[in-house]
PDB file of N, CA and C in Angstrom:
ATOM      1  N   UNK A   1       1.926  -9.299 -29.477  1.00  0.00           N
ATOM      2  CA  UNK A   1       1.036  -7.985 -29.116  1.00  0.00           C
ATOM      3  C   UNK A   1       2.119  -7.121 -28.229  1.00  0.00           C
ATOM      4  N   UNK A   2       2.611  -5.737 -28.831  1.00  0.00           N
ATOM      5  CA  UNK A   2       3.351  -5.005 -28.055  1.00  0.00           C
ATOM      6  C   UNK A   2       2.486  -3.853 -27.278  1.00  0.00           C
ATOM      7  N   UNK A   3       2.845  -3.700 -26.149  1.00  0.00           N
ATOM      8  CA  UNK A   3       2.276  -2.459 -25.469  1.00  0.00           C
ATOM      9  C   UNK A   3       3.042  -1.203 -25.391  1.00  0.00           C
ATOM     10  N   UNK A   4       2.283   0.086 -25.796  1.00  0.00           N
ATOM     11  CA  UNK A   4       3.333   1.116 -25.412  1.00  0.00           C
ATOM     12  C   UNK A   4       2.598   1.784 -24.342  1.00  0.00           C
ATOM     13  N   UNK A   5       3.863   2.527 -23.495  1.00  0.00           N
ATOM     14  CA  UNK A   5       3.447   2.980 -22.334  1.00  0.00           C
ATOM     15  C   UNK A   5       3.512   4.608 -22.619  1.00  0.00           C
ATOM     16  N   UNK A   6       3.065   4.950 -23.710  1.00  0.00           N
ATOM     17  CA  UNK A   6       3.224   6.783 -24.019  1.00  0.00           C
ATOM     18  C   UNK A   6       1.726   6.829 -23.762  1.00  0.00           C
ATOM     19  N   UNK A   7       1.757   8.027 -22.951  1.00  0.00           N
ATOM     20  CA  UNK A   7       0.235   8.614 -22.713  1.00  0.00           C
ATOM     21  C   UNK A   7       0.251   9.323 -21.465  1.00  0.00           C
ATOM     22  N   UNK A   8      -0.871   9.948 -21.290  1.00  0.00           N
ATOM     23  CA  UNK A   8      -1.230  10.624 -20.105  1.00  0.00           C
ATOM     24  C   UNK A   8      -1.751   9.527 -18.967  1.00  0.00           C
ATOM     25  N   UNK A   9      -1.426   9.832 -17.684  1.00  0.00           N
ATOM     26  CA  UNK A   9      -2.028   9.088 -16.645  1.00  0.00           C
ATOM     27  C   UNK A   9      -3.709   8.934 -16.734  1.00  0.00           C
ATOM     28  N   UNK A  10      -4.195  10.125 -17.431  1.00  0.00           N
ATOM     29  CA  UNK A  10      -5.647  10.092 -17.444  1.00  0.00           C
ATOM     30  C   UNK A  10      -6.149   8.979 -18.539  1.00  0.00           C
ATOM     31  N   UNK A  11      -5.353   9.191 -19.620  1.00  0.00           N
ATOM     32  CA  UNK A  11      -5.767   7.957 -20.652  1.00  0.00           C
ATOM     33  C   UNK A  11      -5.607   6.702 -19.785  1.00  0.00           C
ATOM     34  N   UNK A  12      -4.590   6.272 -19.047  1.00  0.00           N
ATOM     35  CA  UNK A  12      -4.444   4.955 -18.353  1.00  0.00           C
ATOM     36  C   UNK A  12      -5.490   4.729 -17.560  1.00  0.00           C
ATOM     37  N   UNK A  13      -6.042   5.645 -17.007  1.00  0.00           N
ATOM     38  CA  UNK A  13      -6.948   5.358 -15.943  1.00  0.00           C
ATOM     39  C   UNK A  13      -8.374   5.224 -16.522  1.00  0.00           C
ATOM     40  N   UNK A  14      -8.550   5.873 -17.821  1.00  0.00           N
ATOM     41  CA  UNK A  14      -9.802   5.773 -18.463  1.00  0.00           C
ATOM     42  C   UNK A  14      -9.809   4.098 -19.159  1.00  0.00           C
ATOM     43  N   UNK A  15      -8.542   3.954 -19.504  1.00  0.00           N
ATOM     44  CA  UNK A  15      -8.573   2.513 -20.107  1.00  0.00           C
ATOM     45  C   UNK A  15      -8.716   1.676 -19.316  1.00  0.00           C
ATOM     46  N   UNK A  16      -7.979   1.874 -17.930  1.00  0.00           N
ATOM     47  CA  UNK A  16      -8.289   0.671 -16.947  1.00  0.00           C
ATOM     48  C   UNK A  16      -9.870   0.584 -16.587  1.00  0.00           C
ATOM     49  N   UNK A  17     -10.308   1.696 -16.315  1.00  0.00           N
ATOM     50  CA  UNK A  17     -11.804   1.705 -15.781  1.00  0.00           C
ATOM     51  C   UNK A  17     -12.917   1.118 -16.880  1.00  0.00           C
ATOM     52  N   UNK A  18     -12.431   1.145 -18.219  1.00  0.00           N
ATOM     53  CA  UNK A  18     -13.230   0.504 -19.273  1.00  0.00           C
ATOM     54  C   UNK A  18     -12.805  -0.795 -19.314  1.00  0.00           C
ATOM     55  N   UNK A  19     -11.706  -1.421 -19.121  1.00  0.00           N
ATOM     56  CA  UNK A  19     -11.416  -2.845 -18.924  1.00  0.00           C
ATOM     57  C   UNK A  19     -12.079  -3.368 -17.747  1.00  0.00           C
ATOM     58  N   UNK A  20     -12.073  -2.805 -16.679  1.00  0.00           N
ATOM     59  CA  UNK A  20     -12.805  -3.310 -15.490  1.00  0.00           C
ATOM     60  C   UNK A  20     -14.026  -3.352 -15.604  1.00  0.00           C
ATOM     61  N   UNK A  21     -14.909  -2.143 -16.072  1.00  0.00           N
ATOM     62  CA  UNK A  21     -16.317  -1.918 -16.456  1.00  0.00           C
ATOM     63  C   UNK A  21     -16.572  -3.472 -17.197  1.00  0.00           C
ATOM     64  N   UNK A  22     -15.804  -3.669 -18.359  1.00  0.00           N
ATOM     65  CA  UNK A  22     -16.244  -4.786 -19.479  1.00  0.00           C
ATOM     66  C   UNK A  22     -16.120  -6.167 -18.490  1.00  0.00           C
ATOM     67  N   UNK A  23     -15.048  -6.458 -17.676  1.00  0.00           N
ATOM     68  CA  UNK A  23     -14.999  -7.619 -16.914  1.00  0.00           C
ATOM     69  C   UNK A  23     -16.279  -7.802 -16.008  1.00  0.00           C
ATOM     70  N   UNK A  24     -16.718  -6.875 -15.475  1.00  0.00           N
ATOM     71  CA  UNK A  24     -17.992  -6.831 -14.421  1.00  0.00           C
ATOM     72  C   UNK A  24     -19.131  -6.873 -15.151  1.00  0.00           C
ATOM     73  N   UNK A  25     -19.282  -6.528 -16.516  1.00  0.00           N
ATOM     74  CA  UNK A  25     -20.339  -6.554 -17.227  1.00  0.00           C
ATOM     75  C   UNK A  25     -20.713  -8.064 -17.770  1.00  0.00           C
ATOM     76  N   UNK A  26     -19.679  -8.889 -17.577  1.00  0.00           N
ATOM     77  CA  UNK A  26     -19.823 -10.357 -18.038  1.00  0.00           C
ATOM     78  C   UNK A  26     -19.562 -11.174 -16.607  1.00  0.00           C
ATOM     79  N   UNK A  27     -19.679 -10.553 -15.575  1.00  0.00           N
ATOM     80  CA  UNK A  27     -19.682 -11.269 -14.222  1.00  0.00           C
ATOM     81  C   UNK A  27     -18.190 -12.034 -13.819  1.00  0.00           C
ATOM     82  N   UNK A  28     -17.077 -11.232 -14.506  1.00  0.00           N
ATOM     83  CA  UNK A  28     -15.836 -11.750 -13.941  1.00  0.00           C
ATOM     84  C   UNK A  28     -15.194 -11.303 -12.766  1.00  0.00           C
ATOM     85  N   UNK A  29     -15.999  -9.849 -12.495  1.00  0.00           N
ATOM     86  CA  UNK A  29     -15.073  -9.424 -11.380  1.00  0.00           C
ATOM     87  C   UNK A  29     -16.326  -8.883 -10.763  1.00  0.00           C
ATOM     88  N   UNK A  30     -16.213  -8.352  -9.518  1.00  0.00           N
ATOM     89  CA  UNK A  30     -17.147  -7.666  -8.640  1.00  0.00           C
ATOM     90  C   UNK A  30     -16.847  -6.586  -7.945  1.00  0.00           C
ATOM     91  N   UNK A  31     -17.349  -5.372  -8.186  1.00  0.00           N
ATOM     92  CA  UNK A  31     -16.807  -4.056  -7.293  1.00  0.00           C
ATOM     93  C   UNK A  31     -17.188  -4.315  -5.754  1.00  0.00           C
ATOM     94  N   UNK A  32     -16.265  -4.083  -4.907  1.00  0.00           N
ATOM     95  CA  UNK A  32     -16.795  -4.072  -3.603  1.00  0.00           C
ATOM     96  C   UNK A  32     -16.622  -2.337  -3.205  1.00  0.00           C
ATOM     97  N   UNK A  33     -17.468  -2.249  -1.828  1.00  0.00           N
ATOM     98  CA  UNK A  33     -17.423  -0.749  -1.643  1.00  0.00           C
ATOM     99  C   UNK A  33     -16.193  -0.448  -0.907  1.00  0.00           C
ATOM    100  N   UNK A  34     -15.663   0.834  -1.298  1.00  0.00           N
ATOM    101  CA  UNK A  34     -14.515   1.257  -0.694  1.00  0.00           C
ATOM    102  C   UNK A  34     -14.937   1.764   1.009  1.00  0.00           C
ATOM    103  N   UNK A  35     -14.341   1.085   1.996  1.00  0.00           N
ATOM    104  CA  UNK A  35     -14.806   1.786   3.179  1.00  0.00           C
ATOM    105  C   UNK A  35     -13.564   1.441   4.048  1.00  0.00           C
ATOM    106  N   UNK A  36     -13.332   2.070   5.198  1.00  0.00           N
ATOM    107  CA  UNK A  36     -12.244   2.041   6.059  1.00  0.00           C
ATOM    108  C   UNK A  36     -12.300   0.779   6.666  1.00  0.00           C
ATOM    109  N   UNK A  37     -13.494  -0.107   7.078  1.00  0.00           N
ATOM    110  CA  UNK A  37     -13.634  -1.038   7.772  1.00  0.00           C
ATOM    111  C   UNK A  37     -13.018  -2.200   6.792  1.00  0.00           C
ATOM    112  N   UNK A  38     -12.795  -2.294   5.781  1.00  0.00           N
ATOM    113  CA  UNK A  38     -11.930  -3.232   4.929  1.00  0.00           C
ATOM    114  C   UNK A  38     -10.729  -3.316   4.875  1.00  0.00           C
ATOM    115  N   UNK A  39      -9.799  -2.404   5.892  1.00  0.00           N
ATOM    116  CA  UNK A  39      -8.341  -2.576   6.114  1.00  0.00           C
ATOM    117  C   UNK A  39      -8.400  -3.481   7.390  1.00  0.00           C
ATOM    118  N   UNK A  40      -7.335  -4.632   7.278  1.00  0.00           N
ATOM    119  CA  UNK A  40      -7.396  -5.320   8.439  1.00  0.00           C
ATOM    120  C   UNK A  40      -6.837  -4.854   9.618  1.00  0.00           C
ATOM    121  N   UNK A  41      -6.177  -3.685   9.774  1.00  0.00           N
ATOM    122  CA  UNK A  41      -5.463  -2.884  10.573  1.00  0.00           C
ATOM    123  C   UNK A  41      -6.114  -1.999  11.184  1.00  0.00           C
ATOM    124  N   UNK A  42      -5.459  -1.266  12.351  1.00  0.00           N
ATOM    125  CA  UNK A  42      -6.199  -0.148  13.138  1.00  0.00           C
ATOM    126  C   UNK A  42      -6.001   1.191  12.244  1.00  0.00           C
ATOM    127  N   UNK A  43      -6.918   1.721  12.728  1.00  0.00           N
ATOM    128  CA  UNK A  43      -7.190   3.004  11.629  1.00  0.00           C
ATOM    129  C   UNK A  43      -6.029   4.142  11.869  1.00  0.00           C
ATOM    130  N   UNK A  44      -4.960   4.190  12.817  1.00  0.00           N
ATOM    131  CA  UNK A  44      -3.676   4.878  12.570  1.00  0.00           C
ATOM    132  C   UNK A  44      -2.589   4.058  12.013  1.00  0.00           C
ATOM    133  N   UNK A  45      -2.759   3.048  11.573  1.00  0.00           N
ATOM    134  CA  UNK A  45      -1.685   1.977  11.194  1.00  0.00           C
ATOM    135  C   UNK A  45      -0.811   2.686  10.498  1.00  0.00           C
ATOM    136  N   UNK A  46      -1.209   3.168   9.332  1.00  0.00           N
ATOM    137  CA  UNK A  46      -0.239   3.762   8.088  1.00  0.00           C
ATOM    138  C   UNK A  46       0.544   4.906   8.947  1.00  0.00           C
ATOM    139  N   UNK A  47      -0.185   5.617   9.596  1.00  0.00           N
ATOM    140  CA  UNK A  47       0.312   6.870  10.149  1.00  0.00           C
ATOM    141  C   UNK A  47       1.355   6.529  10.987  1.00  0.00           C
ATOM    142  N   UNK A  48       1.181   5.467  11.959  1.00  0.00           N
ATOM    143  CA  UNK A  48       2.109   5.007  12.822  1.00  0.00           C
ATOM    144  C   UNK A  48       3.596   4.596  12.402  1.00  0.00           C
ATOM    145  N   UNK A  49       3.110   3.650  11.239  1.00  0.00           N
ATOM    146  CA  UNK A  49       4.322   3.045  10.598  1.00  0.00           C
ATOM    147  C   UNK A  49       5.131   4.206   9.514  1.00  0.00           C
ATOM    148  N   UNK A  50       4.517   4.988   9.040  1.00  0.00           N
ATOM    149  CA  UNK A  50       5.299   6.319   8.630  1.00  0.00           C
ATOM    150  C   UNK A  50       6.116   6.945   9.534  1.00  0.00           C
ATOM    151  N   UNK A  51       5.608   7.032  10.568  1.00  0.00           N
ATOM    152  CA  UNK A  51       6.340   7.975  11.509  1.00  0.00           C
ATOM    153  C   UNK A  51       7.498   6.958  12.118  1.00  0.00           C
ATOM    154  N   UNK A  52       7.245   5.761  12.349  1.00  0.00           N
ATOM    155  CA  UNK A  52       8.384   4.948  12.751  1.00  0.00           C
ATOM    156  C   UNK A  52       9.615   4.988  11.694  1.00  0.00           C
ATOM    157  N   UNK A  53       9.100   4.790  10.211  1.00  0.00           N
ATOM    158  CA  UNK A  53      10.025   4.756   9.246  1.00  0.00           C
ATOM    159  C   UNK A  53      10.811   5.965   9.062  1.00  0.00           C
ATOM    160  N   UNK A  54      10.094   7.304   8.955  1.00  0.00           N
ATOM    161  CA  UNK A  54      10.608   8.358   9.136  1.00  0.00           C
ATOM    162  C   UNK A  54      11.772   8.724  10.090  1.00  0.00           C
ATOM    163  N   UNK A  55      11.314   8.234  11.424  1.00  0.00           N
ATOM    164  CA  UNK A  55      12.238   8.379  12.348  1.00  0.00           C
ATOM    165  C   UNK A  55      13.758   7.737  12.118  1.00  0.00           C
ATOM    166  N   UNK A  56      13.949   6.788  11.330  1.00  0.00           N
ATOM    167  CA  UNK A  56      15.142   5.874  10.854  1.00  0.00           C
ATOM    168  C   UNK A  56      15.881   5.239  12.149  1.00  0.00           C
ATOM    169  N   UNK A  57      14.974   5.166  12.995  1.00  0.00           N
ATOM    170  CA  UNK A  57      15.263   4.426  14.322  1.00  0.00           C
ATOM    171  C   UNK A  57      15.538   2.736  14.473  1.00  0.00           C
ATOM    172  N   UNK A  58      14.852   2.324  13.302  1.00  0.00           N
ATOM    173  CA  UNK A  58      14.752   0.643  13.213  1.00  0.00           C
ATOM    174  C   UNK A  58      14.653   0.681  11.805  1.00  0.00           C
ATOM    175  N   UNK A  59      15.283  -0.876  11.244  1.00  0.00           N
ATOM    176  CA  UNK A  59      14.514  -1.450  10.198  1.00  0.00           C
ATOM    177  C   UNK A  59      13.298  -1.644  10.285  1.00  0.00           C
ATOM    178  N   UNK A  60      12.487  -1.640   9.118  1.00  0.00           N
ATOM    179  CA  UNK A  60      11.042  -1.950   9.465  1.00  0.00           C
ATOM    180  C   UNK A  60      10.687  -3.559   9.260  1.00  0.00           C
ATOM    181  N   UNK A  61      11.320  -4.144   9.100  1.00  0.00           N
ATOM    182  CA  UNK A  61      11.532  -5.630   9.253  1.00  0.00           C
ATOM    183  C   UNK A  61      11.833  -5.958  10.707  1.00  0.00           C
ATOM    184  N   UNK A  62      12.282  -5.202  11.565  1.00  0.00           N
ATOM    185  CA  UNK A  62      12.472  -5.663  12.798  1.00  0.00           C
ATOM    186  C   UNK A  62      10.966  -5.507  13.653  1.00  0.00           C
ATOM    187  N   UNK A  63      10.518  -6.422  13.417  1.00  0.00           N
ATOM    188  CA  UNK A  63       9.014  -6.443  14.130  1.00  0.00           C
ATOM    189  C   UNK A  63       8.815  -5.990  15.872  1.00  0.00           C
ATOM    190  N   UNK A  64       9.895  -6.517  16.533  1.00  0.00           N
ATOM    191  CA  UNK A  64       9.613  -6.105  17.898  1.00  0.00           C
ATOM    192  C   UNK A  64       9.992  -4.718  18.037  1.00  0.00           C
ATOM    193  N   UNK A  65      11.065  -4.378  17.417  1.00  0.00           N
ATOM    194  CA  UNK A  65      11.370  -2.814  17.611  1.00  0.00           C
ATOM    195  C   UNK A  65      10.467  -2.158  17.082  1.00  0.00           C
ATOM    196  N   UNK A  66       9.713  -2.186  15.799  1.00  0.00           N
ATOM    197  CA  UNK A  66       8.476  -1.390  15.164  1.00  0.00           C
ATOM    198  C   UNK A  66       7.455  -1.389  16.198  1.00  0.00           C
ATOM    199  N   UNK A  67       7.184  -2.396  16.925  1.00  0.00           N
ATOM    200  CA  UNK A  67       6.149  -2.597  17.946  1.00  0.00           C
ATOM    201  C   UNK A  67       6.492  -1.733  19.072  1.00  0.00           C
ATOM    202  N   UNK A  68       7.753  -1.603  19.678  1.00  0.00           N
ATOM    203  CA  UNK A  68       8.067  -0.877  20.832  1.00  0.00           C
ATOM    204  C   UNK A  68       7.906   0.449  20.363  1.00  0.00           C
ATOM    205  N   UNK A  69       8.546   0.908  19.155  1.00  0.00           N
ATOM    206  CA  UNK A  69       8.482   2.155  18.599  1.00  0.00           C
ATOM    207  C   UNK A  69       7.149   3.155  18.563  1.00  0.00           C
ATOM    208  N   UNK A  70       6.348   2.072  18.017  1.00  0.00           N
ATOM    209  CA  UNK A  70       4.623   2.440  17.778  1.00  0.00           C
ATOM    210  C   UNK A  70       4.263   2.902  19.143  1.00  0.00           C
ATOM    211  N   UNK A  71       4.576   2.153  20.045  1.00  0.00           N
ATOM    212  CA  UNK A  71       4.056   2.386  21.348  1.00  0.00           C
ATOM    213  C   UNK A  71       4.363   3.629  21.999  1.00  0.00           C
ATOM    214  N   UNK A  72       5.828   3.869  21.913  1.00  0.00           N
ATOM    215  CA  UNK A  72       6.521   4.802  22.390  1.00  0.00           C
ATOM    216  C   UNK A  72       6.153   6.238  21.974  1.00  0.00           C
ATOM    217  N   UNK A  73       5.886   5.928  20.584  1.00  0.00           N
ATOM    218  CA  UNK A  73       5.420   7.318  19.651  1.00  0.00           C
ATOM    219  C   UNK A  73       4.047   7.832  19.872  1.00  0.00           C
ATOM    220  N   UNK A  74       3.297   7.077  20.667  1.00  0.00           N
ATOM    221  CA  UNK A  74       1.928   7.300  21.015  1.00  0.00           C
ATOM    222  C   UNK A  74       0.719   6.513  20.080  1.00  0.00           C
ATOM    223  N   UNK A  75       1.353   5.453  19.690  1.00  0.00           N
ATOM    224  CA  UNK A  75       0.132   4.663  19.095  1.00  0.00           C
ATOM    225  C   UNK A  75      -0.028   3.451  19.854  1.00  0.00           C
ATOM    226  N   UNK A  76      -0.676   3.450  20.988  1.00  0.00           N
ATOM    227  CA  UNK A  76      -0.661   2.124  21.584  1.00  0.00           C
ATOM    228  C   UNK A  76      -1.665   1.002  20.823  1.00  0.00           C
ATOM    229  N   UNK A  77      -2.491   1.437  20.216  1.00  0.00           N
ATOM    230  CA  UNK A  77      -3.580   0.535  19.413  1.00  0.00           C
ATOM    231  C   UNK A  77      -2.788  -0.025  18.408  1.00  0.00           C
ATOM    232  N   UNK A  78      -2.068   0.545  17.903  1.00  0.00           N
ATOM    233  CA  UNK A  78      -1.100  -0.049  16.503  1.00  0.00           C
ATOM    234  C   UNK A  78      -0.157  -1.133  17.326  1.00  0.00           C
ATOM    235  N   UNK A  79       0.469  -0.699  18.527  1.00  0.00           N
ATOM    236  CA  UNK A  79       1.394  -1.356  19.170  1.00  0.00           C
ATOM    237  C   UNK A  79       0.842  -2.921  19.432  1.00  0.00           C
ATOM    238  N   UNK A  80      -0.397  -2.878  20.053  1.00  0.00           N
ATOM    239  CA  UNK A  80      -1.214  -3.948  20.425  1.00  0.00           C
ATOM    240  C   UNK A  80      -1.627  -4.779  19.290  1.00  0.00           C
ATOM    241  N   UNK A  81      -1.754  -4.175  18.381  1.00  0.00           N
ATOM    242  CA  UNK A  81      -2.405  -5.279  16.995  1.00  0.00           C
ATOM    243  C   UNK A  81      -1.038  -5.667  16.244  1.00  0.00           C
ATOM    244  N   UNK A  82       0.212  -5.010  16.435  1.00  0.00           N
ATOM    245  CA  UNK A  82       1.089  -5.473  15.915  1.00  0.00           C
ATOM    246  C   UNK A  82       1.691  -6.539  16.635  1.00  0.00           C
ATOM    247  N   UNK A  83       1.307  -6.693  18.013  1.00  0.00           N
ATOM    248  CA  UNK A  83       2.107  -7.819  18.753  1.00  0.00           C
ATOM    249  C   UNK A  83       1.210  -9.192  18.568  1.00  0.00           C
ATOM    250  N   UNK A  84      -0.035  -8.780  18.047  1.00  0.00           N
ATOM    251  CA  UNK A  84      -0.938 -10.009  17.890  1.00  0.00           C
ATOM    252  C   UNK A  84      -1.138 -10.426  16.376  1.00  0.00           C
ATOM    253  N   UNK A  85      -0.269  -9.528  15.531  1.00  0.00           N
ATOM    254  CA  UNK A  85      -0.677  -9.791  14.158  1.00  0.00           C
ATOM    255  C   UNK A  85       0.833  -9.829  13.543  1.00  0.00           C
ATOM    256  N   UNK A  86       1.799 -10.662  13.806  1.00  0.00           N
ATOM    257  CA  UNK A  86       3.085 -10.425  13.445  1.00  0.00           C
ATOM    258  C   UNK A  86       3.051 -11.071  11.856  1.00  0.00           C
ATOM    259  N   UNK A  87       2.303 -12.005  11.565  1.00  0.00           N
ATOM    260  CA  UNK A  87       2.259 -12.648  10.248  1.00  0.00           C
ATOM    261  C   UNK A  87       1.743 -11.659   9.366  1.00  0.00           C
ATOM    262  N   UNK A  88       0.681 -11.163   9.791  1.00  0.00           N
ATOM    263  CA  UNK A  88       0.102  -9.969   8.682  1.00  0.00           C
ATOM    264  C   UNK A  88       0.840  -8.738   8.295  1.00  0.00           C
ATOM    265  N   UNK A  89       1.604  -8.350   9.601  1.00  0.00           N
ATOM    266  CA  UNK A  89       2.470  -7.193   9.463  1.00  0.00           C
ATOM    267  C   UNK A  89       3.492  -7.616   8.553  1.00  0.00           C
ATOM    268  N   UNK A  90       4.237  -8.909   8.567  1.00  0.00           N
ATOM    269  CA  UNK A  90       5.249  -9.302   7.556  1.00  0.00           C
ATOM    270  C   UNK A  90       4.833  -9.326   6.089  1.00  0.00           C
ATOM    271  N   UNK A  91       3.471  -9.616   6.279  1.00  0.00           N
ATOM    272  CA  UNK A  91       2.962  -9.770   4.518  1.00  0.00           C
ATOM    273  C   UNK A  91       2.641  -8.355   4.214  1.00  0.00           C
ATOM    274  N   UNK A  92       2.633  -7.153   5.169  1.00  0.00           N
ATOM    275  CA  UNK A  92       2.115  -5.697   4.603  1.00  0.00           C
ATOM    276  C   UNK A  92       3.460  -5.317   4.357  1.00  0.00           C
ATOM    277  N   UNK A  93       4.634  -5.670   4.796  1.00  0.00           N
ATOM    278  CA  UNK A  93       6.068  -5.037   4.682  1.00  0.00           C
ATOM    279  C   UNK A  93       6.377  -5.740   3.342  1.00  0.00           C
ATOM    280  N   UNK A  94       6.247  -6.878   3.170  1.00  0.00           N
ATOM    281  CA  UNK A  94       6.989  -7.716   2.202  1.00  0.00           C
ATOM    282  C   UNK A  94       6.222  -7.578   0.958  1.00  0.00           C
ATOM    283  N   UNK A  95       4.748  -7.669   0.864  1.00  0.00           N
ATOM    284  CA  UNK A  95       3.938  -7.480  -0.029  1.00  0.00           C
ATOM    285  C   UNK A  95       3.305  -6.660  -0.193  1.00  0.00           C
ATOM    286  N   UNK A  96       3.133  -5.852   0.536  1.00  0.00           N
ATOM    287  CA  UNK A  96       2.143  -4.493   0.917  1.00  0.00           C
ATOM    288  C   UNK A  96       1.253  -4.238  -0.015  1.00  0.00           C
ATOM    289  N   UNK A  97       0.123  -3.462   0.134  1.00  0.00           N
ATOM    290  CA  UNK A  97      -1.015  -3.364  -0.373  1.00  0.00           C
ATOM    291  C   UNK A  97      -0.792  -1.976  -1.196  1.00  0.00           C
ATOM    292  N   UNK A  98      -0.170  -0.948   0.030  1.00  0.00           N
ATOM    293  CA  UNK A  98       0.186   0.245  -0.120  1.00  0.00           C
ATOM    294  C   UNK A  98       1.454   0.549   0.221  1.00  0.00           C
ATOM    295  N   UNK A  99       2.289   1.498  -0.533  1.00  0.00           N
ATOM    296  CA  UNK A  99       3.711   1.694  -0.236  1.00  0.00           C
ATOM    297  C   UNK A  99       3.790   2.687   0.922  1.00  0.00           C
ATOM    298  N   UNK A 100       4.914   2.456   1.515  1.00  0.00           N
ATOM    299  CA  UNK A 100       4.975   3.442   2.746  1.00  0.00           C
ATOM    300  C   UNK A 100       5.978   4.715   2.056  1.00  0.00           C
ATOM    301  N   UNK A 101       5.454   5.878   1.994  1.00  0.00           N
ATOM    302  CA  UNK A 101       5.919   7.092   1.625  1.00  0.00           C
ATOM    303  C   UNK A 101       6.313   7.115   0.025  1.00  0.00           C
ATOM    304  N   UNK A 102       6.604   8.203  -0.553  1.00  0.00           N
ATOM    305  CA  UNK A 102       6.519   8.567  -1.797  1.00  0.00           C
ATOM    306  C   UNK A 102       7.875   7.850  -2.463  1.00  0.00           C
ATOM    307  N   UNK A 103       8.799   7.298  -1.733  1.00  0.00           N
ATOM    308  CA  UNK A 103       9.950   6.619  -2.505  1.00  0.00           C
ATOM    309  C   UNK A 103       9.598   5.155  -2.856  1.00  0.00           C
ATOM    310  N   UNK A 104       8.411   4.896  -2.788  1.00  0.00           N
ATOM    311  CA  UNK A 104       8.291   3.381  -3.340  1.00  0.00           C
ATOM    312  C   UNK A 104       8.880   3.111  -4.913  1.00  0.00           C
ATOM    313  N   UNK A 105       9.825   2.289  -5.117  1.00  0.00           N
ATOM    314  CA  UNK A 105      10.417   1.919  -6.261  1.00  0.00           C
ATOM    315  C   UNK A 105      11.388   3.052  -6.832  1.00  0.00           C
ATOM    316  N   UNK A 106      11.794   3.969  -5.953  1.00  0.00           N
ATOM    317  CA  UNK A 106      12.576   4.934  -6.279  1.00  0.00           C
ATOM    318  C   UNK A 106      11.900   6.220  -7.184  1.00  0.00           C
ATOM    319  N   UNK A 107      10.900   6.058  -7.887  1.00  0.00           N
ATOM    320  CA  UNK A 107      10.431   7.004  -8.852  1.00  0.00           C
ATOM    321  C   UNK A 107       8.758   7.570  -8.359  1.00  0.00           C
ATOM    322  N   UNK A 108       8.285   8.710  -8.575  1.00  0.00           N
ATOM    323  CA  UNK A 108       6.757   8.898  -8.293  1.00  0.00           C
ATOM    324  C   UNK A 108       6.346   8.611  -9.635  1.00  0.00           C
ATOM    325  N   UNK A 109       6.736   9.117 -10.776  1.00  0.00           N
ATOM    326  CA  UNK A 109       6.085   8.764 -12.238  1.00  0.00           C
ATOM    327  C   UNK A 109       6.552   7.899 -12.941  1.00  0.00           C
ATOM    328  N   UNK A 110       6.006   6.990 -13.643  1.00  0.00           N
ATOM    329  CA  UNK A 110       6.661   6.008 -14.952  1.00  0.00           C
ATOM    330  C   UNK A 110       7.521   6.691 -15.875  1.00  0.00           C
ATOM    331  N   UNK A 111       8.552   6.158 -16.562  1.00  0.00           N
ATOM    332  CA  UNK A 111       8.989   6.651 -17.488  1.00  0.00           C
ATOM    333  C   UNK A 111       8.118   7.019 -18.589  1.00  0.00           C
ATOM    334  N   UNK A 112       8.484   7.984 -19.592  1.00  0.00           N
ATOM    335  CA  UNK A 112       7.273   8.483 -20.446  1.00  0.00           C
ATOM    336  C   UNK A 112       7.009   7.541 -21.600  1.00  0.00           C
ATOM    337  N   UNK A 113       7.997   6.852 -21.996  1.00  0.00           N
ATOM    338  CA  UNK A 113       7.822   5.582 -22.967  1.00  0.00           C
ATOM    339  C   UNK A 113       8.630   4.384 -22.561  1.00  0.00           C
ATOM    340  N   UNK A 114       8.140   3.261 -22.766  1.00  0.00           N
ATOM    341  CA  UNK A 114       8.819   1.946 -22.573  1.00  0.00           C
ATOM    342  C   UNK A 114       9.535   1.706 -23.528  1.00  0.00           C
ATOM    343  N   UNK A 115       9.547   2.185 -25.049  1.00  0.00           N
ATOM    344  CA  UNK A 115      10.256   1.764 -26.136  1.00  0.00           C
ATOM    345  C   UNK A 115      11.458   2.593 -26.468  1.00  0.00           C
ATOM    346  N   UNK A 116      11.766   3.837 -25.459  1.00  0.00           N
ATOM    347  CA  UNK A 116      12.659   4.834 -25.843  1.00  0.00           C
ATOM    348  C   UNK A 116      13.851   4.617 -24.905  1.00  0.00           C
TER     349      UNK A 116
END
């Protein structure tokens, strides 16, 4: 089977929605509600990390320095969380559920066609 990546983002979204709907219809997946309570980190976590990252003052893998800078930059609740959740922070940075900033992967849009 050969997949082509030509098409609009709306077409991709519609195809993905249809696929997930069919899986749910057969009981293979379950949709969970979208709510802020599902995030395992404090409310301003992403905002704080983006501010640290944009400052360029440390490597984001330097956990102690990121923790110190978040407190210094006015995010004490994030600094406390980081101090107590080193493993979760490492997993977020290395496997993250959301990219930090628009430069994730070096591009914002996929190539127009995979076979060209």
